[in-house]
Amino acid sequence: MYDLTGFQRDLLYVAASEDEPHGLALKDELEQYYESQIHHGRLYPNLDTLVEKGLIEKGQLDRRTNYYQVTQRGYREIEARREWEDQYVSPEI
């Protein structure tokens, strides 16, 4: 996960929190977190990067809507990242 941008990492975390979310659901969640608008031109290329890296799978809900599911590798990467962060950040904070 060291090669992901902060936005890609946040996108992966948000996708892991939902069951097969579609792109607009991910966009809405991230817009709340960032408190600013996220354009499709930023969202979908970053989702595609996560798909290419094998961290997310892309499926089709209908002819116009895709869903995204975090892969087992994606969950392993999230867990490894959290373990790494725990070395530096005390859980009591």
PDB file of N, CA and C in Angstrom:
ATOM      1  N   MET A   1       0.814  -1.188   0.000  1.00  0.00           N
ATOM      2  CA  MET A   1       0.000   0.000   0.000  1.00  0.00           C
ATOM      3  C   MET A   1       0.860   1.256   0.000  1.00  0.00           C
ATOM      4  N   TYR A   2       2.145   1.079   0.185  1.00  0.00           N
ATOM      5  CA  TYR A   2       3.081   2.204   0.220  1.00  0.00           C
ATOM      6  C   TYR A   2       3.066   3.016  -1.072  1.00  0.00           C
ATOM      7  N   ASP A   3       2.634   2.402  -2.173  1.00  0.00           N
ATOM      8  CA  ASP A   3       2.657   3.105  -3.450  1.00  0.00           C
ATOM      9  C   ASP A   3       1.328   3.780  -3.788  1.00  0.00           C
ATOM     10  N   LEU A   4       0.374   3.771  -2.872  1.00  0.00           N
ATOM     11  CA  LEU A   4      -0.898   4.446  -3.106  1.00  0.00           C
ATOM     12  C   LEU A   4      -0.823   5.900  -2.644  1.00  0.00           C
ATOM     13  N   THR A   5      -1.600   6.740  -3.293  1.00  0.00           N
ATOM     14  CA  THR A   5      -1.737   8.108  -2.809  1.00  0.00           C
ATOM     15  C   THR A   5      -2.650   8.089  -1.581  1.00  0.00           C
ATOM     16  N   GLY A   6      -2.663   9.168  -0.844  1.00  0.00           N
ATOM     17  CA  GLY A   6      -3.568   9.275   0.298  1.00  0.00           C
ATOM     18  C   GLY A   6      -5.024   9.137  -0.136  1.00  0.00           C
ATOM     19  N   PHE A   7      -5.371   9.724  -1.269  1.00  0.00           N
ATOM     20  CA  PHE A   7      -6.735   9.631  -1.772  1.00  0.00           C
ATOM     21  C   PHE A   7      -7.090   8.190  -2.114  1.00  0.00           C
ATOM     22  N   GLN A   8      -6.178   7.477  -2.762  1.00  0.00           N
ATOM     23  CA  GLN A   8      -6.436   6.077  -3.096  1.00  0.00           C
ATOM     24  C   GLN A   8      -6.604   5.235  -1.835  1.00  0.00           C
ATOM     25  N   ARG A   9      -5.788   5.516  -0.840  1.00  0.00           N
ATOM     26  CA  ARG A   9      -5.888   4.789   0.424  1.00  0.00           C
ATOM     27  C   ARG A   9      -7.243   5.069   1.087  1.00  0.00           C
ATOM     28  N   ASP A  10      -7.661   6.329   1.103  1.00  0.00           N
ATOM     29  CA  ASP A  10      -8.966   6.671   1.661  1.00  0.00           C
ATOM     30  C   ASP A  10     -10.090   5.995   0.883  1.00  0.00           C
ATOM     31  N   LEU A  11      -9.966   5.962  -0.406  1.00  0.00           N
ATOM     32  CA  LEU A  11     -10.957   5.322  -1.266  1.00  0.00           C
ATOM     33  C   LEU A  11     -11.061   3.831  -0.949  1.00  0.00           C
ATOM     34  N   LEU A  12      -9.933   3.187  -0.754  1.00  0.00           N
ATOM     35  CA  LEU A  12      -9.916   1.766  -0.399  1.00  0.00           C
ATOM     36  C   LEU A  12     -10.586   1.541   0.951  1.00  0.00           C
ATOM     37  N   TYR A  13     -10.283   2.373   1.927  1.00  0.00           N
ATOM     38  CA  TYR A  13     -10.886   2.253   3.259  1.00  0.00           C
ATOM     39  C   TYR A  13     -12.405   2.425   3.184  1.00  0.00           C
ATOM     40  N   VAL A  14     -12.868   3.420   2.442  1.00  0.00           N
ATOM     41  CA  VAL A  14     -14.307   3.655   2.328  1.00  0.00           C
ATOM     42  C   VAL A  14     -14.981   2.482   1.618  1.00  0.00           C
ATOM     43  N   ALA A  15     -14.358   1.966   0.573  1.00  0.00           N
ATOM     44  CA  ALA A  15     -14.923   0.820  -0.138  1.00  0.00           C
ATOM     45  C   ALA A  15     -15.017  -0.402   0.779  1.00  0.00           C
ATOM     46  N   ALA A  16     -14.080  -0.538   1.695  1.00  0.00           N
ATOM     47  CA  ALA A  16     -14.088  -1.672   2.624  1.00  0.00           C
ATOM     48  C   ALA A  16     -15.210  -1.558   3.643  1.00  0.00           C
ATOM     49  N   SER A  17     -15.720  -0.356   3.850  1.00  0.00           N
ATOM     50  CA  SER A  17     -16.743  -0.155   4.871  1.00  0.00           C
ATOM     51  C   SER A  17     -18.150  -0.470   4.374  1.00  0.00           C
ATOM     52  N   GLU A  18     -18.304  -0.687   3.089  1.00  0.00           N
ATOM     53  CA  GLU A  18     -19.621  -0.925   2.515  1.00  0.00           C
ATOM     54  C   GLU A  18     -19.611  -2.216   1.706  1.00  0.00           C
ATOM     55  N   ASP A  19     -20.791  -2.797   1.510  1.00  0.00           N
ATOM     56  CA  ASP A  19     -20.909  -4.019   0.725  1.00  0.00           C
ATOM     57  C   ASP A  19     -21.259  -3.662  -0.714  1.00  0.00           C
ATOM     58  N   GLU A  20     -20.296  -3.840  -1.602  1.00  0.00           N
ATOM     59  CA  GLU A  20     -20.454  -3.572  -3.030  1.00  0.00           C
ATOM     60  C   GLU A  20     -20.990  -2.164  -3.322  1.00  0.00           C
ATOM     61  N   PRO A  21     -20.310  -1.136  -2.831  1.00  0.00           N
ATOM     62  CA  PRO A  21     -20.772   0.227  -3.108  1.00  0.00           C
ATOM     63  C   PRO A  21     -20.562   0.603  -4.570  1.00  0.00           C
ATOM     64  N   HIS A  22     -21.414   1.472  -5.060  1.00  0.00           N
ATOM     65  CA  HIS A  22     -21.220   1.999  -6.414  1.00  0.00           C
ATOM     66  C   HIS A  22     -20.402   3.279  -6.310  1.00  0.00           C
ATOM     67  N   GLY A  23     -19.909   3.749  -7.430  1.00  0.00           N
ATOM     68  CA  GLY A  23     -19.003   4.885  -7.452  1.00  0.00           C
ATOM     69  C   GLY A  23     -19.552   6.130  -6.788  1.00  0.00           C
ATOM     70  N   LEU A  24     -20.826   6.434  -7.018  1.00  0.00           N
ATOM     71  CA  LEU A  24     -21.387   7.652  -6.441  1.00  0.00           C
ATOM     72  C   LEU A  24     -21.513   7.556  -4.920  1.00  0.00           C
ATOM     73  N   ALA A  25     -21.741   6.366  -4.391  1.00  0.00           N
ATOM     74  CA  ALA A  25     -21.790   6.198  -2.932  1.00  0.00           C
ATOM     75  C   ALA A  25     -20.408   6.467  -2.333  1.00  0.00           C
ATOM     76  N   LEU A  26     -19.373   5.974  -2.994  1.00  0.00           N
ATOM     77  CA  LEU A  26     -18.007   6.236  -2.543  1.00  0.00           C
ATOM     78  C   LEU A  26     -17.692   7.721  -2.625  1.00  0.00           C
ATOM     79  N   LYS A  27     -18.105   8.338  -3.727  1.00  0.00           N
ATOM     80  CA  LYS A  27     -17.886   9.772  -3.933  1.00  0.00           C
ATOM     81  C   LYS A  27     -18.566  10.580  -2.831  1.00  0.00           C
ATOM     82  N   ASP A  28     -19.813  10.255  -2.520  1.00  0.00           N
ATOM     83  CA  ASP A  28     -20.551  10.982  -1.478  1.00  0.00           C
ATOM     84  C   ASP A  28     -19.857  10.863  -0.126  1.00  0.00           C
ATOM     85  N   GLU A  29     -19.416   9.680   0.212  1.00  0.00           N
ATOM     86  CA  GLU A  29     -18.750   9.461   1.501  1.00  0.00           C
ATOM     87  C   GLU A  29     -17.447  10.262   1.586  1.00  0.00           C
ATOM     88  N   LEU A  30     -16.668  10.250   0.526  1.00  0.00           N
ATOM     89  CA  LEU A  30     -15.403  10.984   0.525  1.00  0.00           C
ATOM     90  C   LEU A  30     -15.629  12.491   0.523  1.00  0.00           C
ATOM     91  N   GLU A  31     -16.672  12.952  -0.150  1.00  0.00           N
ATOM     92  CA  GLU A  31     -16.978  14.382  -0.137  1.00  0.00           C
ATOM     93  C   GLU A  31     -17.322  14.850   1.274  1.00  0.00           C
ATOM     94  N   GLN A  32     -18.002  14.005   2.039  1.00  0.00           N
ATOM     95  CA  GLN A  32     -18.294  14.366   3.430  1.00  0.00           C
ATOM     96  C   GLN A  32     -17.002  14.458   4.232  1.00  0.00           C
ATOM     97  N   TYR A  33     -16.102  13.514   4.017  1.00  0.00           N
ATOM     98  CA  TYR A  33     -14.848  13.502   4.762  1.00  0.00           C
ATOM     99  C   TYR A  33     -13.958  14.694   4.384  1.00  0.00           C
ATOM    100  N   TYR A  34     -13.792  14.914   3.084  1.00  0.00           N
ATOM    101  CA  TYR A  34     -12.924  15.989   2.615  1.00  0.00           C
ATOM    102  C   TYR A  34     -13.592  17.364   2.681  1.00  0.00           C
ATOM    103  N   GLU A  35     -14.888  17.379   2.857  1.00  0.00           N
ATOM    104  CA  GLU A  35     -15.651  18.618   2.882  1.00  0.00           C
ATOM    105  C   GLU A  35     -15.440  19.452   1.624  1.00  0.00           C
ATOM    106  N   SER A  36     -15.340  18.761   0.514  1.00  0.00           N
ATOM    107  CA  SER A  36     -15.238  19.425  -0.789  1.00  0.00           C
ATOM    108  C   SER A  36     -15.698  18.457  -1.869  1.00  0.00           C
ATOM    109  N   GLN A  37     -15.993  19.021  -3.020  1.00  0.00           N
ATOM    110  CA  GLN A  37     -16.499  18.228  -4.133  1.00  0.00           C
ATOM    111  C   GLN A  37     -15.383  17.390  -4.755  1.00  0.00           C
ATOM    112  N   ILE A  38     -15.712  16.164  -5.087  1.00  0.00           N
ATOM    113  CA  ILE A  38     -14.782  15.281  -5.785  1.00  0.00           C
ATOM    114  C   ILE A  38     -15.349  15.039  -7.177  1.00  0.00           C
ATOM    115  N   HIS A  39     -14.574  15.364  -8.171  1.00  0.00           N
ATOM    116  CA  HIS A  39     -15.021  15.226  -9.555  1.00  0.00           C
ATOM    117  C   HIS A  39     -14.834  13.797 -10.044  1.00  0.00           C
ATOM    118  N   HIS A  40     -15.677  13.422 -10.986  1.00  0.00           N
ATOM    119  CA  HIS A  40     -15.605  12.084 -11.570  1.00  0.00           C
ATOM    120  C   HIS A  40     -14.219  11.813 -12.152  1.00  0.00           C
ATOM    121  N   GLY A  41     -13.597  12.852 -12.696  1.00  0.00           N
ATOM    122  CA  GLY A  41     -12.270  12.725 -13.291  1.00  0.00           C
ATOM    123  C   GLY A  41     -11.190  12.397 -12.281  1.00  0.00           C
ATOM    124  N   ARG A  42     -11.480  12.583 -11.027  1.00  0.00           N
ATOM    125  CA  ARG A  42     -10.543  12.176  -9.969  1.00  0.00           C
ATOM    126  C   ARG A  42     -10.932  10.810  -9.411  1.00  0.00           C
ATOM    127  N   LEU A  43     -12.217  10.597  -9.227  1.00  0.00           N
ATOM    128  CA  LEU A  43     -12.702   9.372  -8.589  1.00  0.00           C
ATOM    129  C   LEU A  43     -12.439   8.124  -9.424  1.00  0.00           C
ATOM    130  N   TYR A  44     -12.931   8.106 -10.644  1.00  0.00           N
ATOM    131  CA  TYR A  44     -12.909   6.869 -11.419  1.00  0.00           C
ATOM    132  C   TYR A  44     -11.511   6.435 -11.874  1.00  0.00           C
ATOM    133  N   PRO A  45     -10.621   7.342 -12.248  1.00  0.00           N
ATOM    134  CA  PRO A  45      -9.263   6.882 -12.553  1.00  0.00           C
ATOM    135  C   PRO A  45      -8.571   6.269 -11.326  1.00  0.00           C
ATOM    136  N   ASN A  46      -8.852   6.801 -10.144  1.00  0.00           N
ATOM    137  CA  ASN A  46      -8.257   6.234  -8.935  1.00  0.00           C
ATOM    138  C   ASN A  46      -8.869   4.885  -8.599  1.00  0.00           C
ATOM    139  N   LEU A  47     -10.166   4.720  -8.825  1.00  0.00           N
ATOM    140  CA  LEU A  47     -10.780   3.404  -8.663  1.00  0.00           C
ATOM    141  C   LEU A  47     -10.159   2.408  -9.644  1.00  0.00           C
ATOM    142  N   ASP A  48      -9.961   2.845 -10.884  1.00  0.00           N
ATOM    143  CA  ASP A  48      -9.340   1.971 -11.885  1.00  0.00           C
ATOM    144  C   ASP A  48      -7.938   1.545 -11.455  1.00  0.00           C
ATOM    145  N   THR A  49      -7.191   2.452 -10.848  1.00  0.00           N
ATOM    146  CA  THR A  49      -5.850   2.115 -10.359  1.00  0.00           C
ATOM    147  C   THR A  49      -5.934   1.038  -9.282  1.00  0.00           C
ATOM    148  N   LEU A  50      -6.897   1.164  -8.369  1.00  0.00           N
ATOM    149  CA  LEU A  50      -7.057   0.157  -7.323  1.00  0.00           C
ATOM    150  C   LEU A  50      -7.468  -1.196  -7.904  1.00  0.00           C
ATOM    151  N   VAL A  51      -8.267  -1.166  -8.973  1.00  0.00           N
ATOM    152  CA  VAL A  51      -8.641  -2.404  -9.668  1.00  0.00           C
ATOM    153  C   VAL A  51      -7.402  -3.020 -10.311  1.00  0.00           C
ATOM    154  N   GLU A  52      -6.612  -2.209 -10.999  1.00  0.00           N
ATOM    155  CA  GLU A  52      -5.398  -2.697 -11.668  1.00  0.00           C
ATOM    156  C   GLU A  52      -4.406  -3.297 -10.678  1.00  0.00           C
ATOM    157  N   LYS A  53      -4.348  -2.761  -9.470  1.00  0.00           N
ATOM    158  CA  LYS A  53      -3.430  -3.261  -8.447  1.00  0.00           C
ATOM    159  C   LYS A  53      -3.981  -4.492  -7.726  1.00  0.00           C
ATOM    160  N   GLY A  54      -5.217  -4.880  -8.064  1.00  0.00           N
ATOM    161  CA  GLY A  54      -5.811  -6.065  -7.458  1.00  0.00           C
ATOM    162  C   GLY A  54      -6.346  -5.844  -6.050  1.00  0.00           C
ATOM    163  N   LEU A  55      -6.560  -4.593  -5.670  1.00  0.00           N
ATOM    164  CA  LEU A  55      -7.057  -4.287  -4.331  1.00  0.00           C
ATOM    165  C   LEU A  55      -8.579  -4.188  -4.295  1.00  0.00           C
ATOM    166  N   ILE A  56      -9.177  -3.929  -5.444  1.00  0.00           N
ATOM    167  CA  ILE A  56     -10.629  -3.823  -5.591  1.00  0.00           C
ATOM    168  C   ILE A  56     -11.035  -4.563  -6.856  1.00  0.00           C
ATOM    169  N   GLU A  57     -12.195  -5.212  -6.804  1.00  0.00           N
ATOM    170  CA  GLU A  57     -12.790  -5.800  -8.001  1.00  0.00           C
ATOM    171  C   GLU A  57     -13.954  -4.917  -8.438  1.00  0.00           C
ATOM    172  N   LYS A  58     -14.124  -4.821  -9.733  1.00  0.00           N
ATOM    173  CA  LYS A  58     -15.197  -4.009 -10.307  1.00  0.00           C
ATOM    174  C   LYS A  58     -16.220  -4.948 -10.914  1.00  0.00           C
ATOM    175  N   GLY A  59     -17.479  -4.744 -10.575  1.00  0.00           N
ATOM    176  CA  GLY A  59     -18.564  -5.536 -11.143  1.00  0.00           C
ATOM    177  C   GLY A  59     -19.637  -4.617 -11.688  1.00  0.00           C
ATOM    178  N   GLN A  60     -20.658  -5.214 -12.260  1.00  0.00           N
ATOM    179  CA  GLN A  60     -21.708  -4.422 -12.888  1.00  0.00           C
ATOM    180  C   GLN A  60     -23.044  -4.710 -12.211  1.00  0.00           C
ATOM    181  N   LEU A  61     -23.699  -3.647 -11.709  1.00  0.00           N
ATOM    182  CA  LEU A  61     -25.041  -3.773 -11.132  1.00  0.00           C
ATOM    183  C   LEU A  61     -26.094  -3.781 -12.228  1.00  0.00           C
ATOM    184  N   ASP A  62     -25.933  -2.865 -13.168  1.00  0.00           N
ATOM    185  CA  ASP A  62     -26.795  -2.802 -14.341  1.00  0.00           C
ATOM    186  C   ASP A  62     -25.964  -2.189 -15.472  1.00  0.00           C
ATOM    187  N   ARG A  63     -26.587  -1.876 -16.577  1.00  0.00           N
ATOM    188  CA  ARG A  63     -25.823  -1.396 -17.731  1.00  0.00           C
ATOM    189  C   ARG A  63     -25.146  -0.058 -17.492  1.00  0.00           C
ATOM    190  N   ARG A  64     -25.589   0.682 -16.489  1.00  0.00           N
ATOM    191  CA  ARG A  64     -25.021   2.014 -16.243  1.00  0.00           C
ATOM    192  C   ARG A  64     -24.247   2.116 -14.938  1.00  0.00           C
ATOM    193  N   THR A  65     -24.378   1.130 -14.064  1.00  0.00           N
ATOM    194  CA  THR A  65     -23.829   1.267 -12.719  1.00  0.00           C
ATOM    195  C   THR A  65     -22.884   0.125 -12.385  1.00  0.00           C
ATOM    196  N   ASN A  66     -21.686   0.490 -11.961  1.00  0.00           N
ATOM    197  CA  ASN A  66     -20.713  -0.504 -11.497  1.00  0.00           C
ATOM    198  C   ASN A  66     -20.676  -0.509  -9.979  1.00  0.00           C
ATOM    199  N   TYR A  67     -20.261  -1.639  -9.431  1.00  0.00           N
ATOM    200  CA  TYR A  67     -20.007  -1.696  -7.992  1.00  0.00           C
ATOM    201  C   TYR A  67     -18.545  -2.065  -7.798  1.00  0.00           C
ATOM    202  N   TYR A  68     -18.058  -1.826  -6.611  1.00  0.00           N
ATOM    203  CA  TYR A  68     -16.662  -2.080  -6.281  1.00  0.00           C
ATOM    204  C   TYR A  68     -16.606  -2.894  -4.994  1.00  0.00           C
ATOM    205  N   GLN A  69     -15.797  -3.936  -5.012  1.00  0.00           N
ATOM    206  CA  GLN A  69     -15.662  -4.820  -3.854  1.00  0.00           C
ATOM    207  C   GLN A  69     -14.184  -4.973  -3.526  1.00  0.00           C
ATOM    208  N   VAL A  70     -13.824  -4.747  -2.279  1.00  0.00           N
ATOM    209  CA  VAL A  70     -12.434  -4.915  -1.862  1.00  0.00           C
ATOM    210  C   VAL A  70     -12.089  -6.399  -1.909  1.00  0.00           C
ATOM    211  N   THR A  71     -10.941  -6.708  -2.470  1.00  0.00           N
ATOM    212  CA  THR A  71     -10.483  -8.096  -2.580  1.00  0.00           C
ATOM    213  C   THR A  71      -9.830  -8.540  -1.262  1.00  0.00           C
ATOM    214  N   GLN A  72      -9.559  -9.827  -1.176  1.00  0.00           N
ATOM    215  CA  GLN A  72      -8.842 -10.336  -0.006  1.00  0.00           C
ATOM    216  C   GLN A  72      -7.478  -9.667   0.105  1.00  0.00           C
ATOM    217  N   ARG A  73      -6.828  -9.473  -1.032  1.00  0.00           N
ATOM    218  CA  ARG A  73      -5.542  -8.771  -1.020  1.00  0.00           C
ATOM    219  C   ARG A  73      -5.711  -7.350  -0.487  1.00  0.00           C
ATOM    220  N   GLY A  74      -6.785  -6.686  -0.897  1.00  0.00           N
ATOM    221  CA  GLY A  74      -7.064  -5.341  -0.411  1.00  0.00           C
ATOM    222  C   GLY A  74      -7.230  -5.308   1.100  1.00  0.00           C
ATOM    223  N   TYR A  75      -7.964  -6.291   1.640  1.00  0.00           N
ATOM    224  CA  TYR A  75      -8.141  -6.356   3.092  1.00  0.00           C
ATOM    225  C   TYR A  75      -6.817  -6.650   3.802  1.00  0.00           C
ATOM    226  N   ARG A  76      -5.991  -7.501   3.218  1.00  0.00           N
ATOM    227  CA  ARG A  76      -4.676  -7.778   3.805  1.00  0.00           C
ATOM    228  C   ARG A  76      -3.811  -6.526   3.820  1.00  0.00           C
ATOM    229  N   GLU A  77      -3.869  -5.745   2.745  1.00  0.00           N
ATOM    230  CA  GLU A  77      -3.102  -4.500   2.668  1.00  0.00           C
ATOM    231  C   GLU A  77      -3.591  -3.489   3.710  1.00  0.00           C
ATOM    232  N   ILE A  78      -4.900  -3.416   3.901  1.00  0.00           N
ATOM    233  CA  ILE A  78      -5.454  -2.517   4.921  1.00  0.00           C
ATOM    234  C   ILE A  78      -4.964  -2.940   6.301  1.00  0.00           C
ATOM    235  N   GLU A  79      -5.023  -4.226   6.587  1.00  0.00           N
ATOM    236  CA  GLU A  79      -4.585  -4.726   7.891  1.00  0.00           C
ATOM    237  C   GLU A  79      -3.095  -4.462   8.112  1.00  0.00           C
ATOM    238  N   ALA A  80      -2.297  -4.697   7.092  1.00  0.00           N
ATOM    239  CA  ALA A  80      -0.854  -4.450   7.212  1.00  0.00           C
ATOM    240  C   ALA A  80      -0.592  -2.962   7.451  1.00  0.00           C
ATOM    241  N   ARG A  81      -1.331  -2.108   6.779  1.00  0.00           N
ATOM    242  CA  ARG A  81      -1.165  -0.665   6.968  1.00  0.00           C
ATOM    243  C   ARG A  81      -1.531  -0.261   8.388  1.00  0.00           C
ATOM    244  N   ARG A  82      -2.616  -0.815   8.902  1.00  0.00           N
ATOM    245  CA  ARG A  82      -3.051  -0.477  10.257  1.00  0.00           C
ATOM    246  C   ARG A  82      -2.037  -0.960  11.293  1.00  0.00           C
ATOM    247  N   GLU A  83      -1.463  -2.123  11.074  1.00  0.00           N
ATOM    248  CA  GLU A  83      -0.422  -2.618  11.987  1.00  0.00           C
ATOM    249  C   GLU A  83       0.792  -1.692  11.942  1.00  0.00           C
ATOM    250  N   TRP A  84       1.163  -1.262  10.758  1.00  0.00           N
ATOM    251  CA  TRP A  84       2.293  -0.350  10.612  1.00  0.00           C
ATOM    252  C   TRP A  84       2.004   0.969  11.331  1.00  0.00           C
ATOM    253  N   GLU A  85       0.795   1.523  11.137  1.00  0.00           N
ATOM    254  CA  GLU A  85       0.422   2.778  11.798  1.00  0.00           C
ATOM    255  C   GLU A  85       0.438   2.636  13.317  1.00  0.00           C
ATOM    256  N   ASP A  86      -0.016   1.479  13.807  1.00  0.00           N
ATOM    257  CA  ASP A  86      -0.066   1.253  15.256  1.00  0.00           C
ATOM    258  C   ASP A  86       1.312   1.302  15.907  1.00  0.00           C
ATOM    259  N   GLN A  87       2.362   1.073  15.135  1.00  0.00           N
ATOM    260  CA  GLN A  87       3.724   1.176  15.674  1.00  0.00           C
ATOM    261  C   GLN A  87       4.064   2.615  16.052  1.00  0.00           C
ATOM    262  N   TYR A  88       3.409   3.553  15.405  1.00  0.00           N
ATOM    263  CA  TYR A  88       3.760   4.952  15.558  1.00  0.00           C
ATOM    264  C   TYR A  88       2.702   5.786  16.291  1.00  0.00           C
ATOM    265  N   VAL A  89       1.498   5.279  16.355  1.00  0.00           N
ATOM    266  CA  VAL A  89       0.408   6.014  16.985  1.00  0.00           C
ATOM    267  C   VAL A  89      -0.145   5.163  18.124  1.00  0.00           C
ATOM    268  N   SER A  90      -0.144   5.724  19.293  1.00  0.00           N
ATOM    269  CA  SER A  90      -0.651   5.024  20.468  1.00  0.00           C
ATOM    270  C   SER A  90      -2.170   4.876  20.381  1.00  0.00           C
ATOM    271  N   PRO A  91      -2.704   3.697  20.697  1.00  0.00           N
ATOM    272  CA  PRO A  91      -4.161   3.519  20.676  1.00  0.00           C
ATOM    273  C   PRO A  91      -4.893   4.395  21.695  1.00  0.00           C
ATOM    274  N   GLU A  92      -4.195   4.895  22.712  1.00  0.00           N
ATOM    275  CA  GLU A  92      -4.838   5.736  23.719  1.00  0.00           C
ATOM    276  C   GLU A  92      -5.139   7.147  23.231  1.00  0.00           C
ATOM    277  N   ILE A  93      -4.587   7.514  22.088  1.00  0.00           N
ATOM    278  CA  ILE A  93      -4.794   8.892  21.580  1.00  0.00           C
ATOM    279  C   ILE A  93      -6.206   9.056  21.096  1.00  0.00           C
TER     280      ILE A  93
END
